[in-house]
């Protein structure tokens, strides 16, 4: 899976007439190795600890390239920060977002998916994509 995403990204870079750089490769490897929904700032801080020559603008542009290539998607959870998450073919999930600590949990629920499809169908609506984000307090913050 990881190598397939790398290949998709590299093919995209070639199609766009861009260069594969060592900094992009470092960011790509780090991003694909993380399971978190990372903001640009979070990714930048973690990368800078090991790679002080990588600039904020490079991280920002590279994440946008990941989204453009289809290996990542931008998510916005209402806190003013853009986060990025991996995209896997055929995979869909929704999010639980803690409004206190910012933790994001992914979940899948076939019943919810069926209900959404039924509602859309009752309106003669064809769903092309959707997102469901539920906001509240995680178990740790509720204590």
C-alpha atoms as a PDB file:
ATOM      1  CA  UNK A   1       0.000   0.000   0.000  1.00  0.00           C
ATOM      2  CA  UNK A   2       2.742   2.450   0.966  1.00  0.00           C
ATOM      3  CA  UNK A   3       4.750   1.751  -2.186  1.00  0.00           C
ATOM      4  CA  UNK A   4       1.621   2.097  -4.330  1.00  0.00           C
ATOM      5  CA  UNK A   5       0.990   5.568  -2.882  1.00  0.00           C
ATOM      6  CA  UNK A   6       4.616   6.515  -3.504  1.00  0.00           C
ATOM      7  CA  UNK A   7       4.241   5.399  -7.119  1.00  0.00           C
ATOM      8  CA  UNK A   8       1.030   7.411  -7.529  1.00  0.00           C
ATOM      9  CA  UNK A   9       2.756  10.492  -6.145  1.00  0.00           C
ATOM     10  CA  UNK A  10       5.856  10.057  -8.312  1.00  0.00           C
ATOM     11  CA  UNK A  11       3.723   9.584 -11.440  1.00  0.00           C
ATOM     12  CA  UNK A  12       1.821  12.770 -10.545  1.00  0.00           C
ATOM     13  CA  UNK A  13       5.068  14.724 -10.098  1.00  0.00           C
ATOM     14  CA  UNK A  14       6.240  13.624 -13.550  1.00  0.00           C
ATOM     15  CA  UNK A  15       2.875  14.515 -15.167  1.00  0.00           C
ATOM     16  CA  UNK A  16       3.002  17.962 -13.566  1.00  0.00           C
ATOM     17  CA  UNK A  17       6.554  18.531 -14.822  1.00  0.00           C
ATOM     18  CA  UNK A  18       7.940  18.833 -11.304  1.00  0.00           C
ATOM     19  CA  UNK A  19      11.104  17.432  -9.805  1.00  0.00           C
ATOM     20  CA  UNK A  20      11.449  14.728  -7.220  1.00  0.00           C
ATOM     21  CA  UNK A  21      13.483  16.320  -4.449  1.00  0.00           C
ATOM     22  CA  UNK A  22      15.070  14.860  -1.353  1.00  0.00           C
ATOM     23  CA  UNK A  23      12.876  17.098   0.826  1.00  0.00           C
ATOM     24  CA  UNK A  24       9.688  15.876  -0.880  1.00  0.00           C
ATOM     25  CA  UNK A  25      10.834  12.289  -0.407  1.00  0.00           C
ATOM     26  CA  UNK A  26      11.458  12.857   3.319  1.00  0.00           C
ATOM     27  CA  UNK A  27       8.035  14.463   3.743  1.00  0.00           C
ATOM     28  CA  UNK A  28       6.369  11.671   1.729  1.00  0.00           C
ATOM     29  CA  UNK A  29       7.998   8.926   3.802  1.00  0.00           C
ATOM     30  CA  UNK A  30       7.086  10.642   7.068  1.00  0.00           C
ATOM     31  CA  UNK A  31       3.494  11.319   6.002  1.00  0.00           C
ATOM     32  CA  UNK A  32       2.888   7.771   4.791  1.00  0.00           C
ATOM     33  CA  UNK A  33       4.378   6.369   8.008  1.00  0.00           C
ATOM     34  CA  UNK A  34       2.025   8.365  10.214  1.00  0.00           C
ATOM     35  CA  UNK A  35      -1.526   7.292  11.027  1.00  0.00           C
ATOM     36  CA  UNK A  36      -2.469  10.687  12.467  1.00  0.00           C
ATOM     37  CA  UNK A  37      -4.543  13.451  10.904  1.00  0.00           C
ATOM     38  CA  UNK A  38      -1.744  15.981  10.863  1.00  0.00           C
ATOM     39  CA  UNK A  39      -1.958  19.709  10.405  1.00  0.00           C
ATOM     40  CA  UNK A  40       0.737  21.451   8.404  1.00  0.00           C
ATOM     41  CA  UNK A  41       2.141  22.865  11.647  1.00  0.00           C
ATOM     42  CA  UNK A  42       2.237  19.472  13.389  1.00  0.00           C
ATOM     43  CA  UNK A  43       3.935  17.788  10.465  1.00  0.00           C
ATOM     44  CA  UNK A  44       6.413  20.656  10.139  1.00  0.00           C
ATOM     45  CA  UNK A  45       7.338  20.559  13.857  1.00  0.00           C
ATOM     46  CA  UNK A  46       7.881  16.805  13.824  1.00  0.00           C
ATOM     47  CA  UNK A  47       9.907  16.892  10.605  1.00  0.00           C
ATOM     48  CA  UNK A  48      12.067  19.822  11.772  1.00  0.00           C
ATOM     49  CA  UNK A  49      13.213  17.819  14.790  1.00  0.00           C
ATOM     50  CA  UNK A  50      15.080  15.424  12.477  1.00  0.00           C
ATOM     51  CA  UNK A  51      15.423  17.523   9.329  1.00  0.00           C
ATOM     52  CA  UNK A  52      16.098  21.175  10.246  1.00  0.00           C
ATOM     53  CA  UNK A  53      16.673  22.158   6.600  1.00  0.00           C
ATOM     54  CA  UNK A  54      13.039  21.523   5.619  1.00  0.00           C
ATOM     55  CA  UNK A  55      11.067  24.755   5.510  1.00  0.00           C
ATOM     56  CA  UNK A  56       7.448  25.406   6.394  1.00  0.00           C
ATOM     57  CA  UNK A  57       6.579  26.492   2.842  1.00  0.00           C
ATOM     58  CA  UNK A  58       8.036  23.249   1.465  1.00  0.00           C
ATOM     59  CA  UNK A  59       5.901  21.183   3.835  1.00  0.00           C
ATOM     60  CA  UNK A  60       2.808  23.204   2.913  1.00  0.00           C
ATOM     61  CA  UNK A  61       3.366  22.911  -0.843  1.00  0.00           C
ATOM     62  CA  UNK A  62       4.200  19.217  -0.612  1.00  0.00           C
ATOM     63  CA  UNK A  63       1.029  18.389   1.326  1.00  0.00           C
ATOM     64  CA  UNK A  64      -0.976  20.214  -1.344  1.00  0.00           C
ATOM     65  CA  UNK A  65       0.794  18.079  -3.950  1.00  0.00           C
ATOM     66  CA  UNK A  66      -0.189  14.948  -2.002  1.00  0.00           C
ATOM     67  CA  UNK A  67      -3.815  16.063  -2.144  1.00  0.00           C
ATOM     68  CA  UNK A  68      -3.509  16.909  -5.843  1.00  0.00           C
ATOM     69  CA  UNK A  69      -2.065  13.494  -6.593  1.00  0.00           C
ATOM     70  CA  UNK A  70      -4.901  11.726  -4.786  1.00  0.00           C
ATOM     71  CA  UNK A  71      -2.884  10.088  -2.002  1.00  0.00           C
ATOM     72  CA  UNK A  72      -4.163  12.490   0.659  1.00  0.00           C
ATOM     73  CA  UNK A  73      -7.169  14.632   1.381  1.00  0.00           C
ATOM     74  CA  UNK A  74      -7.560  17.890   3.240  1.00  0.00           C
ATOM     75  CA  UNK A  75      -9.901  17.803   6.206  1.00  0.00           C
ATOM     76  CA  UNK A  76     -11.264  20.763   8.118  1.00  0.00           C
ATOM     77  CA  UNK A  77     -12.694  20.178  11.585  1.00  0.00           C
ATOM     78  CA  UNK A  78     -13.639  23.730  12.485  1.00  0.00           C
ATOM     79  CA  UNK A  79     -10.512  24.767  14.369  1.00  0.00           C
ATOM     80  CA  UNK A  80      -9.034  26.832  11.554  1.00  0.00           C
ATOM     81  CA  UNK A  81      -6.312  24.320  10.708  1.00  0.00           C
ATOM     82  CA  UNK A  82      -6.132  22.204   7.595  1.00  0.00           C
ATOM     83  CA  UNK A  83      -5.255  18.606   8.331  1.00  0.00           C
ATOM     84  CA  UNK A  84      -4.263  15.872   5.917  1.00  0.00           C
ATOM     85  CA  UNK A  85      -5.132  12.202   5.952  1.00  0.00           C
ATOM     86  CA  UNK A  86      -4.272   9.250   3.753  1.00  0.00           C
ATOM     87  CA  UNK A  87      -6.670   8.110   1.049  1.00  0.00           C
ATOM     88  CA  UNK A  88      -7.039   4.426   0.269  1.00  0.00           C
ATOM     89  CA  UNK A  89      -8.926   3.271  -2.829  1.00  0.00           C
ATOM     90  CA  UNK A  90     -12.435   2.144  -2.032  1.00  0.00           C
ATOM     91  CA  UNK A  91     -12.108   3.070   1.635  1.00  0.00           C
ATOM     92  CA  UNK A  92     -14.467   5.450   3.353  1.00  0.00           C
ATOM     93  CA  UNK A  93     -14.629   6.463   6.967  1.00  0.00           C
ATOM     94  CA  UNK A  94     -16.112   9.192   9.105  1.00  0.00           C
ATOM     95  CA  UNK A  95     -14.717  11.108  12.075  1.00  0.00           C
ATOM     96  CA  UNK A  96     -15.358  11.660  15.754  1.00  0.00           C
ATOM     97  CA  UNK A  97     -13.716  14.963  16.769  1.00  0.00           C
ATOM     98  CA  UNK A  98     -13.033  15.916  20.386  1.00  0.00           C
ATOM     99  CA  UNK A  99     -13.771  19.616  20.850  1.00  0.00           C
ATOM    100  CA  UNK A 100     -11.514  19.828  23.902  1.00  0.00           C
ATOM    101  CA  UNK A 101      -8.265  18.035  23.024  1.00  0.00           C
ATOM    102  CA  UNK A 102      -8.644  17.863  19.230  1.00  0.00           C
ATOM    103  CA  UNK A 103      -8.309  14.079  19.025  1.00  0.00           C
ATOM    104  CA  UNK A 104      -9.787  12.634  15.834  1.00  0.00           C
ATOM    105  CA  UNK A 105     -11.035   9.049  15.714  1.00  0.00           C
ATOM    106  CA  UNK A 106     -12.052   7.323  12.502  1.00  0.00           C
ATOM    107  CA  UNK A 107     -15.034   5.003  12.313  1.00  0.00           C
ATOM    108  CA  UNK A 108     -17.041   3.059   9.766  1.00  0.00           C
ATOM    109  CA  UNK A 109     -20.699   2.178  10.161  1.00  0.00           C
ATOM    110  CA  UNK A 110     -22.628   0.319   7.455  1.00  0.00           C
ATOM    111  CA  UNK A 111     -25.986   1.284   8.961  1.00  0.00           C
ATOM    112  CA  UNK A 112     -25.186   5.005   8.683  1.00  0.00           C
ATOM    113  CA  UNK A 113     -24.010   4.512   5.099  1.00  0.00           C
ATOM    114  CA  UNK A 114     -27.238   2.713   4.189  1.00  0.00           C
ATOM    115  CA  UNK A 115     -29.360   5.420   5.820  1.00  0.00           C
ATOM    116  CA  UNK A 116     -27.527   8.150   3.919  1.00  0.00           C
ATOM    117  CA  UNK A 117     -28.066   6.288   0.655  1.00  0.00           C
ATOM    118  CA  UNK A 118     -31.766   5.805   1.453  1.00  0.00           C
ATOM    119  CA  UNK A 119     -32.258   9.499   2.253  1.00  0.00           C
ATOM    120  CA  UNK A 120     -30.490  10.534  -0.940  1.00  0.00           C
ATOM    121  CA  UNK A 121     -32.533   8.039  -2.958  1.00  0.00           C
ATOM    122  CA  UNK A 122     -35.804   9.330  -1.498  1.00  0.00           C
ATOM    123  CA  UNK A 123     -34.896  12.760  -2.892  1.00  0.00           C
ATOM    124  CA  UNK A 124     -33.717  11.387  -6.227  1.00  0.00           C
ATOM    125  CA  UNK A 125     -30.219  12.512  -5.284  1.00  0.00           C
ATOM    126  CA  UNK A 126     -27.004  10.803  -6.394  1.00  0.00           C
ATOM    127  CA  UNK A 127     -24.271  11.019  -3.751  1.00  0.00           C
ATOM    128  CA  UNK A 128     -20.856  11.607  -5.277  1.00  0.00           C
ATOM    129  CA  UNK A 129     -19.044  12.028  -1.978  1.00  0.00           C
ATOM    130  CA  UNK A 130     -19.762  12.946   1.593  1.00  0.00           C
ATOM    131  CA  UNK A 131     -18.227  13.405   4.990  1.00  0.00           C
ATOM    132  CA  UNK A 132     -19.629  12.910   8.442  1.00  0.00           C
ATOM    133  CA  UNK A 133     -17.973  14.513  11.441  1.00  0.00           C
ATOM    134  CA  UNK A 134     -19.396  14.170  14.925  1.00  0.00           C
ATOM    135  CA  UNK A 135     -18.168  16.709  17.490  1.00  0.00           C
ATOM    136  CA  UNK A 136     -18.086  16.186  21.247  1.00  0.00           C
ATOM    137  CA  UNK A 137     -15.835  14.999  24.056  1.00  0.00           C
ATOM    138  CA  UNK A 138     -13.641  11.911  23.883  1.00  0.00           C
ATOM    139  CA  UNK A 139     -13.665   9.431  26.764  1.00  0.00           C
ATOM    140  CA  UNK A 140     -10.489  10.900  28.274  1.00  0.00           C
ATOM    141  CA  UNK A 141     -11.821  14.483  28.239  1.00  0.00           C
ATOM    142  CA  UNK A 142     -15.167  13.410  29.700  1.00  0.00           C
ATOM    143  CA  UNK A 143     -13.462  12.219  32.899  1.00  0.00           C
END
